[in-house]
Amino acid sequence: MTIPEFDFEVDACGLMCPLPLLRLKKALQGVENGQVVRVLATDPAAVLDFGVFIEQARHDLLCSYEQDRILYFFIRKGG
């Protein structure tokens, strides 16, 4: 798997729902369209929360994976 480059990182490890999603939303407000935010999370609910939000807000999930119990998400801000 090729890991995308990213412009901004959010470390939401140890935070529980809804905090990882709120941190992602705040990060996306601070970047330009087309830029990529990488989110690290440990809350399993982030998979569903992020999926629904990304689809509704018309952002792109470039890839996601889990390594050493940390979930990694790469989200490109849409317009």
Protein backbone atom coordinates (compact mmCIF):
# COMPACT_ATOMS: atom_id res chain seq x y z
CA MET A 1 0.00 0.00 0.00
CA THR A 2 1.22 3.46 -0.86
CA ILE A 3 0.76 5.93 1.98
CA PRO A 4 -0.43 9.33 0.74
CA GLU A 5 1.44 12.49 1.61
CA PHE A 6 -0.46 14.76 3.98
CA ASP A 7 -0.57 18.45 4.84
CA PHE A 8 -1.89 18.31 8.41
CA GLU A 9 -2.08 15.69 11.15
CA VAL A 10 -4.61 15.17 13.92
CA ASP A 11 -3.63 12.88 16.79
CA ALA A 12 -6.89 11.75 18.36
CA CYS A 13 -5.43 8.68 20.06
CA GLY A 14 -7.02 8.02 23.42
CA LEU A 15 -10.05 10.19 22.64
CA MET A 16 -13.52 8.70 22.47
CA CYS A 17 -16.50 9.54 20.26
CA PRO A 18 -17.32 12.28 19.33
CA LEU A 19 -13.94 13.93 19.96
CA PRO A 20 -12.00 12.36 17.05
CA LEU A 21 -14.70 13.50 14.63
CA LEU A 22 -14.78 17.00 16.11
CA ARG A 23 -10.98 17.23 15.78
CA LEU A 24 -11.23 16.12 12.13
CA LYS A 25 -13.91 18.72 11.37
CA LYS A 26 -11.81 21.48 12.95
CA ALA A 27 -8.73 20.40 10.99
CA LEU A 28 -10.64 20.40 7.71
CA GLN A 29 -11.82 23.95 8.38
CA GLY A 30 -8.19 25.02 8.64
CA VAL A 31 -6.91 23.55 5.37
CA GLU A 32 -7.51 24.40 1.72
CA ASN A 33 -9.58 22.31 -0.69
CA GLY A 34 -7.48 19.46 -2.03
CA GLN A 35 -5.19 19.28 0.99
CA VAL A 36 -4.92 16.02 2.93
CA VAL A 37 -5.43 15.53 6.66
CA ARG A 38 -4.07 12.43 8.39
CA VAL A 39 -5.95 11.35 11.51
CA LEU A 40 -4.67 8.89 14.10
CA ALA A 41 -7.36 7.41 16.33
CA THR A 42 -7.83 4.52 18.73
CA ASP A 43 -11.62 4.65 19.10
CA PRO A 44 -13.15 1.91 16.88
CA ALA A 45 -16.26 4.09 16.43
CA ALA A 46 -14.13 6.49 14.35
CA VAL A 47 -14.41 4.13 11.36
CA LEU A 48 -18.18 4.58 11.13
CA ASP A 49 -18.22 8.22 12.29
CA PHE A 50 -15.61 9.29 9.75
CA GLY A 51 -17.19 7.26 6.94
CA VAL A 52 -20.59 8.89 7.33
CA PHE A 53 -19.17 12.40 7.79
CA ILE A 54 -16.77 12.16 4.83
CA GLU A 55 -19.55 10.99 2.52
CA GLN A 56 -22.04 13.63 3.66
CA ALA A 57 -19.50 16.48 3.56
CA ARG A 58 -18.15 15.37 0.15
CA HIS A 59 -14.56 14.85 1.23
CA ASP A 60 -12.49 11.90 -0.04
CA LEU A 61 -11.15 9.07 2.08
CA LEU A 62 -7.90 8.29 0.27
CA CYS A 63 -7.06 5.30 2.44
CA SER A 64 -7.32 3.97 5.95
CA TYR A 65 -5.59 1.17 7.80
CA GLU A 66 -4.87 -0.12 11.28
CA GLN A 67 -1.38 -0.70 12.66
CA ASP A 68 -0.49 -1.53 16.26
CA ARG A 69 -4.08 -0.75 17.37
CA ILE A 70 -3.96 2.74 15.86
CA LEU A 71 -6.35 3.64 13.07
CA TYR A 72 -4.94 5.85 10.32
CA PHE A 73 -7.19 7.87 8.00
CA PHE A 74 -6.12 10.04 5.07
CA ILE A 75 -8.86 12.50 4.07
CA ARG A 76 -8.68 14.95 1.16
CA LYS A 77 -10.76 18.07 1.70
CA GLY A 78 -13.43 18.44 -0.95
CA GLY A 79 -15.12 21.55 -2.13
